[in-house]
Amino acid sequence: QVQLVESGGGSVEAGGSLRLSCAASGSRFDRNCMAWFRQTPGVEREALARIYVGDGSTRYADSVKGRFTISQDKAKNTVYLQMNSLKSDDTATYYCAAQGGPSYGGAWCLMNTHFPAWGQGTQVTVSS
């Protein structure tokens, strides 16, 4: 069973930066596609970034492209979300998610919308 633990949230002023971490455990075959989502009350959860663990390929939502970067440290089983140029609209609870799938390439991961494993979330508050 995959377990995900997020950390790194907090409060920051607009224009600032934060780096979120997601420490993963459990079978690596069940978490070779990792993603970051965010959610605010009353709003549908938004997929921000995906990374295919096998080759590090990534995909971003338009709302964060150029500001956020997803990366990984395979040795630490950790995925990161570097968030720069933060705006008040980025205030949300941020979640890490994982899915296992084919290991021959990452195209499926970058389009994946089904993530069975989730972390508990970490709050990010951006003040203007």
C-alpha atoms as a PDB file:
ATOM      1  CA  GLN A   1       0.000   0.000   0.000  1.00  0.00           C
ATOM      2  CA  VAL A   2       1.385   3.378  -1.011  1.00  0.00           C
ATOM      3  CA  GLN A   3       1.675   6.029   1.664  1.00  0.00           C
ATOM      4  CA  LEU A   4       2.293   9.676   0.888  1.00  0.00           C
ATOM      5  CA  VAL A   5       3.264  12.383   3.354  1.00  0.00           C
ATOM      6  CA  GLU A   6       3.347  16.020   2.286  1.00  0.00           C
ATOM      7  CA  SER A   7       5.275  18.767   4.002  1.00  0.00           C
ATOM      8  CA  GLY A   8       6.490  22.276   3.321  1.00  0.00           C
ATOM      9  CA  GLY A   9       3.263  24.232   3.319  1.00  0.00           C
ATOM     10  CA  GLY A  10       2.886  27.501   5.126  1.00  0.00           C
ATOM     11  CA  SER A  11       2.176  31.186   4.757  1.00  0.00           C
ATOM     12  CA  VAL A  12       4.008  33.414   2.316  1.00  0.00           C
ATOM     13  CA  GLU A  13       3.557  36.830   0.796  1.00  0.00           C
ATOM     14  CA  ALA A  14       2.603  37.242  -2.833  1.00  0.00           C
ATOM     15  CA  GLY A  15       5.643  36.942  -5.064  1.00  0.00           C
ATOM     16  CA  GLY A  16       7.344  34.560  -2.677  1.00  0.00           C
ATOM     17  CA  SER A  17       8.278  30.910  -3.011  1.00  0.00           C
ATOM     18  CA  LEU A  18       7.652  27.631  -1.254  1.00  0.00           C
ATOM     19  CA  ARG A  19       8.807  24.097  -1.868  1.00  0.00           C
ATOM     20  CA  LEU A  20       6.481  21.238  -1.048  1.00  0.00           C
ATOM     21  CA  SER A  21       7.757  17.720  -0.461  1.00  0.00           C
ATOM     22  CA  CYS A  22       5.981  14.399  -0.805  1.00  0.00           C
ATOM     23  CA  ALA A  23       7.674  11.424   0.813  1.00  0.00           C
ATOM     24  CA  ALA A  24       6.431   8.166  -0.667  1.00  0.00           C
ATOM     25  CA  SER A  25       6.605   4.618   0.638  1.00  0.00           C
ATOM     26  CA  GLY A  26       5.251   1.284  -0.498  1.00  0.00           C
ATOM     27  CA  SER A  27       5.685  -0.590  -3.737  1.00  0.00           C
ATOM     28  CA  ARG A  28       7.433   1.518  -6.360  1.00  0.00           C
ATOM     29  CA  PHE A  29       5.343  -0.222  -9.011  1.00  0.00           C
ATOM     30  CA  ASP A  30       2.260   1.414  -7.499  1.00  0.00           C
ATOM     31  CA  ARG A  31       3.705   4.920  -7.567  1.00  0.00           C
ATOM     32  CA  ASN A  32       5.586   5.380 -10.813  1.00  0.00           C
ATOM     33  CA  CYS A  33       3.268   8.243 -11.712  1.00  0.00           C
ATOM     34  CA  MET A  34       3.189  11.080  -9.212  1.00  0.00           C
ATOM     35  CA  ALA A  35       1.236  14.300  -9.211  1.00  0.00           C
ATOM     36  CA  TRP A  36       0.417  17.410  -7.265  1.00  0.00           C
ATOM     37  CA  PHE A  37      -3.126  18.693  -6.913  1.00  0.00           C
ATOM     38  CA  ARG A  38      -4.709  21.539  -4.998  1.00  0.00           C
ATOM     39  CA  GLN A  39      -8.167  22.249  -3.714  1.00  0.00           C
ATOM     40  CA  THR A  40     -10.039  25.142  -2.183  1.00  0.00           C
ATOM     41  CA  PRO A  41     -13.458  24.813  -0.500  1.00  0.00           C
ATOM     42  CA  GLY A  42     -16.280  24.510  -2.990  1.00  0.00           C
ATOM     43  CA  VAL A  43     -13.921  24.128  -5.935  1.00  0.00           C
ATOM     44  CA  GLU A  44     -13.077  20.961  -7.829  1.00  0.00           C
ATOM     45  CA  ARG A  45      -9.637  19.561  -7.131  1.00  0.00           C
ATOM     46  CA  GLU A  46      -7.163  20.846  -9.715  1.00  0.00           C
ATOM     47  CA  ALA A  47      -4.298  18.817 -11.153  1.00  0.00           C
ATOM     48  CA  LEU A  48      -1.192  20.995 -11.221  1.00  0.00           C
ATOM     49  CA  ALA A  49       1.703  18.822 -12.315  1.00  0.00           C
ATOM     50  CA  ARG A  50       2.524  15.221 -13.106  1.00  0.00           C
ATOM     51  CA  ILE A  51       5.824  13.418 -13.242  1.00  0.00           C
ATOM     52  CA  TYR A  52       6.630   9.988 -14.609  1.00  0.00           C
ATOM     53  CA  VAL A  53       9.145   8.537 -12.200  1.00  0.00           C
ATOM     54  CA  GLY A  54      10.805   6.361 -14.817  1.00  0.00           C
ATOM     55  CA  ASP A  55      12.246   9.132 -16.972  1.00  0.00           C
ATOM     56  CA  GLY A  56      11.264  12.313 -15.155  1.00  0.00           C
ATOM     57  CA  SER A  57       8.957  13.571 -17.888  1.00  0.00           C
ATOM     58  CA  THR A  58       6.503  16.174 -16.684  1.00  0.00           C
ATOM     59  CA  ARG A  59       3.297  17.956 -17.553  1.00  0.00           C
ATOM     60  CA  TYR A  60       1.816  21.130 -16.059  1.00  0.00           C
ATOM     61  CA  ALA A  61      -1.510  22.847 -15.852  1.00  0.00           C
ATOM     62  CA  ASP A  62      -1.626  26.162 -17.685  1.00  0.00           C
ATOM     63  CA  SER A  63      -2.376  27.931 -14.406  1.00  0.00           C
ATOM     64  CA  VAL A  64       1.061  27.079 -12.992  1.00  0.00           C
ATOM     65  CA  LYS A  65       3.225  26.578 -16.066  1.00  0.00           C
ATOM     66  CA  GLY A  66       6.401  28.613 -15.787  1.00  0.00           C
ATOM     67  CA  ARG A  67       5.935  29.206 -12.051  1.00  0.00           C
ATOM     68  CA  PHE A  68       5.799  25.721 -10.547  1.00  0.00           C
ATOM     69  CA  THR A  69       8.264  22.879 -11.079  1.00  0.00           C
ATOM     70  CA  ILE A  70       7.739  19.241 -10.178  1.00  0.00           C
ATOM     71  CA  SER A  71      10.851  17.167  -9.566  1.00  0.00           C
ATOM     72  CA  GLN A  72      11.960  14.037  -7.819  1.00  0.00           C
ATOM     73  CA  ASP A  73      14.751  12.521  -5.784  1.00  0.00           C
ATOM     74  CA  LYS A  74      14.566   8.802  -6.461  1.00  0.00           C
ATOM     75  CA  ALA A  75      17.059   7.953  -3.725  1.00  0.00           C
ATOM     76  CA  LYS A  76      14.817   9.651  -1.171  1.00  0.00           C
ATOM     77  CA  ASN A  77      11.533   8.449  -2.732  1.00  0.00           C
ATOM     78  CA  THR A  78      10.452  12.064  -2.649  1.00  0.00           C
ATOM     79  CA  VAL A  79       8.677  14.294  -5.127  1.00  0.00           C
ATOM     80  CA  TYR A  80       8.841  18.063  -4.857  1.00  0.00           C
ATOM     81  CA  LEU A  81       6.803  21.000  -6.027  1.00  0.00           C
ATOM     82  CA  GLN A  82       8.791  24.199  -6.245  1.00  0.00           C
ATOM     83  CA  MET A  83       6.374  27.123  -6.315  1.00  0.00           C
ATOM     84  CA  ASN A  84       7.641  30.536  -7.367  1.00  0.00           C
ATOM     85  CA  SER A  85       5.936  33.887  -7.988  1.00  0.00           C
ATOM     86  CA  LEU A  86       3.086  32.848  -5.747  1.00  0.00           C
ATOM     87  CA  LYS A  87      -0.227  34.654  -6.024  1.00  0.00           C
ATOM     88  CA  SER A  88      -3.159  34.924  -3.651  1.00  0.00           C
ATOM     89  CA  ASP A  89      -5.068  32.630  -6.043  1.00  0.00           C
ATOM     90  CA  ASP A  90      -2.572  29.884  -5.196  1.00  0.00           C
ATOM     91  CA  THR A  91      -3.963  29.687  -1.658  1.00  0.00           C
ATOM     92  CA  ALA A  92      -5.246  26.132  -1.253  1.00  0.00           C
ATOM     93  CA  THR A  93      -4.626  22.764   0.295  1.00  0.00           C
ATOM     94  CA  TYR A  94      -2.027  20.938  -1.773  1.00  0.00           C
ATOM     95  CA  TYR A  95      -2.088  17.174  -2.192  1.00  0.00           C
ATOM     96  CA  CYS A  96       0.367  14.645  -3.488  1.00  0.00           C
ATOM     97  CA  ALA A  97      -1.033  11.656  -5.388  1.00  0.00           C
ATOM     98  CA  ALA A  98       0.295   8.440  -6.879  1.00  0.00           C
ATOM     99  CA  GLN A  99      -0.679   5.824  -9.420  1.00  0.00           C
ATOM    100  CA  GLY A 100       1.056   2.706 -10.687  1.00  0.00           C
ATOM    101  CA  GLY A 101       1.119   1.820 -14.359  1.00  0.00           C
ATOM    102  CA  PRO A 102       3.183   0.637 -17.313  1.00  0.00           C
ATOM    103  CA  SER A 103       6.909   1.059 -16.998  1.00  0.00           C
ATOM    104  CA  TYR A 104       7.750   1.276 -20.709  1.00  0.00           C
ATOM    105  CA  GLY A 105       7.075   4.998 -21.049  1.00  0.00           C
ATOM    106  CA  GLY A 106       5.411   7.978 -19.426  1.00  0.00           C
ATOM    107  CA  ALA A 107       2.801   9.145 -21.901  1.00  0.00           C
ATOM    108  CA  TRP A 108       0.005   7.442 -19.966  1.00  0.00           C
ATOM    109  CA  CYS A 109       1.133   9.095 -16.761  1.00  0.00           C
ATOM    110  CA  LEU A 110       1.155  12.600 -18.162  1.00  0.00           C
ATOM    111  CA  MET A 111      -2.494  12.178 -19.199  1.00  0.00           C
ATOM    112  CA  ASN A 112      -3.551  10.161 -16.168  1.00  0.00           C
ATOM    113  CA  THR A 113      -6.561  11.327 -14.196  1.00  0.00           C
ATOM    114  CA  HIS A 114      -6.923   8.372 -11.842  1.00  0.00           C
ATOM    115  CA  PHE A 115      -4.841   8.464  -8.682  1.00  0.00           C
ATOM    116  CA  PRO A 116      -5.773   5.930  -5.997  1.00  0.00           C
ATOM    117  CA  ALA A 117      -3.217   7.024  -3.412  1.00  0.00           C
ATOM    118  CA  TRP A 118      -3.334  10.433  -1.722  1.00  0.00           C
ATOM    119  CA  GLY A 119      -1.516  12.276   0.993  1.00  0.00           C
ATOM    120  CA  GLN A 120      -3.181  14.152   3.807  1.00  0.00           C
ATOM    121  CA  GLY A 121      -2.586  17.559   2.269  1.00  0.00           C
ATOM    122  CA  THR A 122      -0.605  20.619   3.280  1.00  0.00           C
ATOM    123  CA  GLN A 123      -1.988  24.136   3.472  1.00  0.00           C
ATOM    124  CA  VAL A 124      -0.492  26.971   1.456  1.00  0.00           C
ATOM    125  CA  THR A 125      -1.642  30.503   2.179  1.00  0.00           C
ATOM    126  CA  VAL A 126      -0.497  33.413   0.036  1.00  0.00           C
ATOM    127  CA  SER A 127      -1.203  36.890   1.319  1.00  0.00           C
ATOM    128  CA  SER A 128      -1.380  39.890  -0.988  1.00  0.00           C
END
